[in-house]
Amino acid sequence: MARKALLGNVSDNDLRLLRVFRAVVQCGGFSAAELELNINRSTISRHIKDLETRLGVTLCRRGRAGFALTPEGEQVFDSATRIMAAMEEFQHDVDALHQQLTGTLSIAIFDKTASNPACHIDRAFAEFDREAPEVRPEIHVEPINAIERGVMEGRFQLGIIPNHRPSASLDYYPLFDEQMYLYCAADHPLFTTGENTLGAEDVRRARYVGIGYHSPNMETSRQLGLQRHATAHDQEAVAHLVLSGRYLGYLPEHYAEGFVARGMMRPLLPDTFQYLCQFSAIVRHSPPPSRVVQTLLDALVNAHAA
């Protein structure tokens, strides 16, 4: 005899409970979710308990040790995020039939781009708001791999990343460049070494902090023979380790220039230890972008066309 599915048909109430669960996870716990959901903690707790009963699994642990997802809770959260993204896509498609631009648009951007003078994402958002004032942008700052995966899975409708290895599942729209140099801090032994006496091997022997996932940073490090002694997952983490005076690390020129101006950092052998990042907007190759996503994509391309 066929086994009956535990969940059965997904109801409107199930979707409401999943939205509550997703908000709790995104806020990092029940207390923080109270303001986001505008309901009290006991009601939130009851909703989560109802969802656990409905699904037949424990989703999270809560207590003195804090809030934490169970492995089953992590799977349900990922699935719930994809469901909500698909519903947003559906809403965008229906609105497009009536020539309306409404709903929420989830976008993920690689970190430390706002200070880049070649980056005009702000102009694109200004244009997008004029074109689609009823759409609510939801911005995430994530590592490259998380952005790519999120766009492929539909959790993000659009991403902005440094190019590294293209995927057939994504379409790429070039936007702007970013110049990267290798920096050391004022407390590092190489800081006071003159350019004429500093050699490439001196740099390669120093302790180096690199990005811990496939990226232009990782590719360049391998090409130039830099051995990673510490791992970071965003530019801010690289900066902290460089400023410790114990590591060298690549940073965007526009981000590091404030430290350089204050005498806290300097680039090392900039003709050798440097690379240029090309940033692109990415969307899923299939299905094609909704009208809302295409409107933002057009605004991004136009803002960087000059």
Protein backbone atom coordinates (compact mmCIF):
# COMPACT_ATOMS: atom_id res chain seq x y z
CA MET A 1 0.00 0.00 0.00
CA ALA A 2 1.33 3.44 -0.92
CA ARG A 3 2.49 5.50 2.04
CA LYS A 4 0.56 8.72 2.56
CA ALA A 5 2.68 11.87 2.42
CA LEU A 6 3.12 13.40 5.86
CA LEU A 7 2.56 16.97 4.71
CA GLY A 8 -0.10 16.45 2.05
CA ASN A 9 -1.23 19.49 0.08
CA VAL A 10 0.44 22.77 1.02
CA SER A 11 -2.20 25.18 2.34
CA ASP A 12 -2.26 28.94 2.75
CA ASN A 13 -1.71 28.40 6.47
CA ASP A 14 1.42 26.33 5.71
CA LEU A 15 2.79 29.21 3.64
CA ARG A 16 2.03 31.65 6.45
CA LEU A 17 3.89 29.45 8.95
CA LEU A 18 6.83 29.13 6.55
CA ARG A 19 7.00 32.92 6.25
CA VAL A 20 7.14 33.20 10.04
CA PHE A 21 9.86 30.54 10.20
CA ARG A 22 11.90 32.25 7.49
CA ALA A 23 11.67 35.59 9.31
CA VAL A 24 12.82 34.00 12.59
CA VAL A 25 15.86 32.47 10.86
CA GLN A 26 16.75 35.67 9.01
CA CYS A 27 16.44 37.72 12.22
CA GLY A 28 18.45 35.19 14.21
CA GLY A 29 15.85 34.28 16.82
CA PHE A 30 12.36 34.77 18.22
CA SER A 31 13.01 38.07 20.03
CA ALA A 32 14.53 39.78 17.02
CA ALA A 33 11.68 38.55 14.80
CA GLU A 34 9.01 40.24 16.96
CA LEU A 35 9.63 43.65 15.40
CA GLU A 36 9.95 42.26 11.88
CA LEU A 37 6.70 40.27 12.10
CA ASN A 38 4.85 42.67 14.43
CA ILE A 39 3.60 39.78 16.57
CA ASN A 40 4.64 38.77 20.08
CA ARG A 41 7.13 36.07 20.94
CA SER A 42 4.60 33.61 22.32
CA THR A 43 2.62 33.76 19.07
CA ILE A 44 5.79 33.25 17.04
CA SER A 45 6.70 30.27 19.22
CA ARG A 46 3.25 28.77 18.72
CA HIS A 47 3.52 29.21 14.94
CA ILE A 48 6.91 27.46 14.86
CA LYS A 49 5.55 24.63 17.01
CA ASP A 50 2.57 24.28 14.64
CA LEU A 51 4.93 24.10 11.68
CA GLU A 52 7.09 21.47 13.40
CA THR A 53 3.98 19.40 14.08
CA ARG A 54 2.81 19.83 10.50
CA LEU A 55 6.19 18.74 9.08
CA GLY A 56 6.96 16.11 11.68
CA VAL A 57 10.47 17.42 12.42
CA THR A 58 12.20 19.68 14.95
CA LEU A 59 13.26 22.85 13.16
CA CYS A 60 15.28 24.70 15.78
CA ARG A 61 16.70 24.67 19.28
CA ARG A 62 15.99 27.58 21.56
CA GLY A 63 17.13 28.14 25.10
CA ARG A 64 19.96 29.62 27.15
CA ALA A 65 22.47 28.64 24.50
CA GLY A 66 20.59 30.76 21.97
CA PHE A 67 18.78 30.05 18.74
CA ALA A 68 20.11 27.39 16.34
CA LEU A 69 18.67 25.48 13.41
CA THR A 70 18.65 21.70 13.36
CA PRO A 71 19.88 20.00 10.14
CA GLU A 72 16.22 19.45 9.23
CA GLY A 73 15.53 23.11 9.96
CA GLU A 74 18.31 24.16 7.59
CA GLN A 75 16.77 22.07 4.81
CA VAL A 76 13.29 23.46 5.46
CA PHE A 77 14.67 27.02 5.51
CA ASP A 78 16.39 26.53 2.14
CA SER A 79 13.21 25.05 0.67
CA ALA A 80 11.03 27.79 2.15
CA THR A 81 13.32 30.46 0.69
CA ARG A 82 13.01 28.91 -2.76
CA ILE A 83 9.22 28.71 -2.40
CA MET A 84 8.96 32.39 -1.46
CA ALA A 85 11.25 33.38 -4.34
CA ALA A 86 9.11 31.36 -6.78
CA MET A 87 5.99 33.08 -5.44
CA GLU A 88 7.59 36.48 -5.97
CA GLU A 89 8.48 35.48 -9.53
CA PHE A 90 4.87 34.42 -10.07
CA GLN A 91 3.63 37.75 -8.75
CA HIS A 92 6.01 39.61 -11.04
CA ASP A 93 4.80 37.58 -14.03
CA VAL A 94 1.13 38.26 -13.24
CA ASP A 95 1.83 41.96 -12.65
CA ALA A 96 3.59 42.06 -16.02
CA LEU A 97 0.32 40.99 -17.68
CA HIS A 98 -1.21 44.19 -16.31
CA GLN A 99 1.92 46.28 -16.97
CA GLN A 100 2.45 46.71 -13.23
CA LEU A 101 5.75 46.55 -11.36
CA THR A 102 5.16 45.53 -7.74
CA GLY A 103 6.38 43.09 -5.11
CA THR A 104 9.79 42.41 -3.57
CA LEU A 105 13.02 42.10 -5.54
CA SER A 106 15.86 40.19 -3.85
CA ILE A 107 19.36 41.26 -4.94
CA ALA A 108 22.76 40.07 -3.71
CA ILE A 109 25.92 42.20 -4.05
CA PHE A 110 29.56 41.39 -3.36
CA ASP A 111 30.96 43.48 -0.51
CA LYS A 112 32.93 46.73 -0.52
CA THR A 113 31.71 48.08 -3.87
CA ALA A 114 30.00 51.32 -2.78
CA SER A 115 33.28 53.29 -2.49
CA ASN A 116 34.45 52.27 -5.98
CA PRO A 117 34.26 55.41 -8.19
CA ALA A 118 33.59 53.17 -11.20
CA CYS A 119 30.58 51.58 -9.48
CA HIS A 120 27.23 53.27 -10.17
CA ILE A 121 24.85 50.81 -8.55
CA ASP A 122 23.39 53.77 -6.64
CA ARG A 123 22.43 55.50 -9.90
CA ALA A 124 20.84 52.30 -11.14
CA PHE A 125 18.70 52.00 -7.99
CA ALA A 126 17.65 55.65 -8.36
CA GLU A 127 16.52 54.99 -11.93
CA PHE A 128 14.86 51.73 -10.91
CA ASP A 129 12.90 53.49 -8.17
CA ARG A 130 11.63 56.03 -10.68
CA GLU A 131 10.57 53.23 -13.03
CA ALA A 132 9.17 50.86 -10.37
CA PRO A 133 8.32 52.81 -7.19
CA GLU A 134 6.01 50.04 -5.92
CA VAL A 135 8.78 47.40 -5.91
CA ARG A 136 10.57 46.88 -2.60
CA PRO A 137 14.28 46.03 -3.08
CA GLU A 138 15.77 43.56 -0.59
CA ILE A 139 19.57 43.81 -0.64
CA HIS A 140 21.97 41.13 0.63
CA VAL A 141 25.79 41.30 0.82
CA GLU A 142 27.21 37.82 0.26
CA PRO A 143 30.35 36.00 -0.94
CA ILE A 144 30.63 35.16 -4.65
CA ASN A 145 29.71 31.50 -4.27
CA ALA A 146 26.64 32.28 -2.15
CA ILE A 147 25.45 34.86 -4.70
CA GLU A 148 25.86 32.47 -7.63
CA ARG A 149 24.12 29.63 -5.81
CA GLY A 150 21.33 31.92 -4.65
CA VAL A 151 20.66 33.22 -8.17
CA MET A 152 20.70 29.70 -9.62
CA GLU A 153 18.24 28.49 -6.96
CA GLY A 154 15.99 31.52 -7.35
CA ARG A 155 16.56 32.90 -3.84
CA PHE A 156 18.08 36.03 -5.43
CA GLN A 157 16.62 37.42 -8.64
CA LEU A 158 19.84 39.25 -9.51
CA GLY A 159 23.42 39.26 -8.28
CA ILE A 160 26.49 41.48 -8.76
CA ILE A 161 29.83 39.67 -8.52
CA PRO A 162 33.46 39.77 -9.70
CA ASN A 163 33.85 37.54 -12.74
CA HIS A 164 35.86 34.37 -12.13
CA ARG A 165 34.54 31.23 -13.83
CA PRO A 166 31.40 31.46 -15.98
CA SER A 167 28.45 29.14 -15.51
CA ALA A 168 26.17 27.99 -18.31
CA SER A 169 23.24 28.44 -15.89
CA LEU A 170 23.81 32.20 -15.66
CA ASP A 171 23.79 35.20 -17.97
CA TYR A 172 26.43 37.89 -17.37
CA TYR A 173 26.16 41.66 -17.97
CA PRO A 174 29.48 43.55 -17.52
CA LEU A 175 29.24 46.62 -15.29
CA PHE A 176 32.50 48.02 -13.85
CA ASP A 177 36.13 47.23 -12.94
CA GLU A 178 37.93 47.15 -9.59
CA GLN A 179 41.71 47.46 -9.15
CA MET A 180 43.24 45.17 -6.52
CA TYR A 181 46.67 45.60 -4.89
CA LEU A 182 48.57 43.60 -2.27
CA TYR A 183 48.83 45.57 1.00
CA CYS A 184 50.79 45.42 4.22
CA ALA A 185 50.19 47.43 7.40
CA ALA A 186 52.50 49.87 9.17
CA ASP A 187 53.47 47.26 11.76
CA HIS A 188 54.57 44.75 9.11
CA PRO A 189 58.36 44.27 8.59
CA LEU A 190 58.02 44.99 4.85
CA PHE A 191 56.29 48.34 5.35
CA THR A 192 59.54 50.30 5.62
CA THR A 193 61.41 48.33 2.94
CA GLY A 194 62.10 50.51 -0.09
CA GLU A 195 60.74 49.52 -3.49
CA ASN A 196 64.27 49.31 -4.88
CA THR A 197 65.37 46.73 -2.30
CA LEU A 198 62.08 44.81 -1.98
CA GLY A 199 61.94 41.66 -4.10
CA ALA A 200 59.08 39.43 -5.18
CA GLU A 201 60.53 36.56 -3.13
CA ASP A 202 60.45 38.74 -0.01
CA VAL A 203 56.73 39.17 -0.59
CA ARG A 204 56.14 35.46 -1.28
CA ARG A 205 57.87 34.48 1.98
CA ALA A 206 55.55 36.69 4.04
CA ARG A 207 52.38 35.37 5.68
CA TYR A 208 49.39 35.92 3.42
CA VAL A 209 45.61 36.06 3.95
CA GLY A 210 43.48 34.93 1.02
CA ILE A 211 39.82 34.50 0.19
CA GLY A 212 38.68 30.96 1.00
CA TYR A 213 36.54 30.18 -2.06
CA HIS A 214 37.04 30.21 -5.82
CA SER A 215 37.46 33.83 -6.86
CA PRO A 216 39.86 36.14 -8.76
CA ASN A 217 41.72 36.46 -5.44
CA MET A 218 42.34 32.71 -5.28
CA GLU A 219 43.33 32.47 -8.95
CA THR A 220 45.80 35.37 -8.72
CA SER A 221 47.32 34.06 -5.48
CA ARG A 222 48.11 30.73 -7.16
CA GLN A 223 49.53 32.38 -10.27
CA LEU A 224 51.86 34.61 -8.25
CA GLY A 225 52.98 31.88 -5.82
CA LEU A 226 51.41 33.28 -2.65
CA GLN A 227 50.83 30.64 0.03
CA ARG A 228 47.75 31.21 2.17
CA HIS A 229 48.41 31.28 5.95
CA ALA A 230 44.99 32.64 6.94
CA THR A 231 41.57 32.53 5.31
CA ALA A 232 38.97 35.29 4.99
CA HIS A 233 35.52 35.26 3.44
CA ASP A 234 35.09 38.96 2.69
CA GLN A 235 37.17 42.11 2.19
CA GLU A 236 36.52 43.41 5.70
CA ALA A 237 38.05 40.26 7.18
CA VAL A 238 41.11 40.65 4.92
CA ALA A 239 41.51 44.25 6.09
CA HIS A 240 41.44 43.27 9.77
CA LEU A 241 44.16 40.66 9.30
CA VAL A 242 46.31 43.01 7.20
CA LEU A 243 45.96 45.73 9.84
CA SER A 244 47.22 43.26 12.45
CA GLY A 245 50.66 43.67 10.89
CA ARG A 246 51.05 39.90 10.56
CA TYR A 247 49.69 39.30 7.06
CA LEU A 248 49.69 40.63 3.53
CA GLY A 249 46.40 40.67 1.65
CA TYR A 250 44.70 41.93 -1.49
CA LEU A 251 42.22 44.77 -1.10
CA PRO A 252 40.39 47.03 -3.57
CA GLU A 253 42.36 50.22 -4.17
CA HIS A 254 39.33 52.41 -3.46
CA TYR A 255 38.70 50.64 -0.13
CA ALA A 256 42.34 50.71 1.02
CA GLU A 257 43.07 54.33 0.04
CA GLY A 258 41.74 55.65 3.36
CA PHE A 259 44.17 53.42 5.26
CA VAL A 260 46.98 54.43 2.90
CA ALA A 261 46.24 58.15 3.35
CA ARG A 262 46.50 57.73 7.14
CA GLY A 263 49.81 55.88 6.87
CA MET A 264 48.27 52.61 8.05
CA MET A 265 48.89 50.58 4.85
CA ARG A 266 50.92 50.57 1.66
CA PRO A 267 50.75 48.48 -1.53
CA LEU A 268 53.74 46.20 -2.22
CA LEU A 269 55.31 45.96 -5.70
CA PRO A 270 52.09 47.21 -7.34
CA ASP A 271 53.32 46.48 -10.86
CA THR A 272 53.61 42.76 -10.01
CA PHE A 273 51.18 42.02 -7.20
CA GLN A 274 47.97 43.39 -8.63
CA TYR A 275 44.97 42.32 -10.67
CA LEU A 276 41.85 43.86 -12.19
CA CYS A 277 38.38 42.54 -11.36
CA GLN A 278 35.51 42.83 -13.83
CA PHE A 279 32.14 43.00 -12.06
CA SER A 280 28.98 41.77 -13.75
CA ALA A 281 25.30 41.54 -13.00
CA ILE A 282 24.11 37.93 -13.14
CA VAL A 283 20.65 36.45 -13.67
CA ARG A 284 19.44 32.93 -14.36
CA HIS A 285 19.72 31.86 -17.98
CA SER A 286 16.36 30.10 -17.74
CA PRO A 287 13.64 31.07 -17.18
CA PRO A 288 14.24 34.55 -18.65
CA PRO A 289 14.13 37.54 -16.23
CA SER A 290 10.74 38.87 -15.21
CA ARG A 291 9.84 42.41 -16.25
CA VAL A 292 10.81 43.69 -12.79
CA VAL A 293 14.24 42.04 -12.93
CA GLN A 294 14.78 43.21 -16.52
CA THR A 295 13.97 46.78 -15.47
CA LEU A 296 16.70 46.73 -12.81
CA LEU A 297 19.10 44.95 -15.16
CA ASP A 298 18.57 47.65 -17.82
CA ALA A 299 19.10 50.37 -15.19
CA LEU A 300 22.39 48.75 -14.10
CA VAL A 301 23.70 48.40 -17.66
CA ASN A 302 22.68 51.97 -18.56
CA ALA A 303 24.23 53.43 -15.40
CA HIS A 304 27.61 51.88 -16.26
CA ALA A 305 27.48 52.38 -20.04
CA ALA A 306 29.55 55.56 -19.91
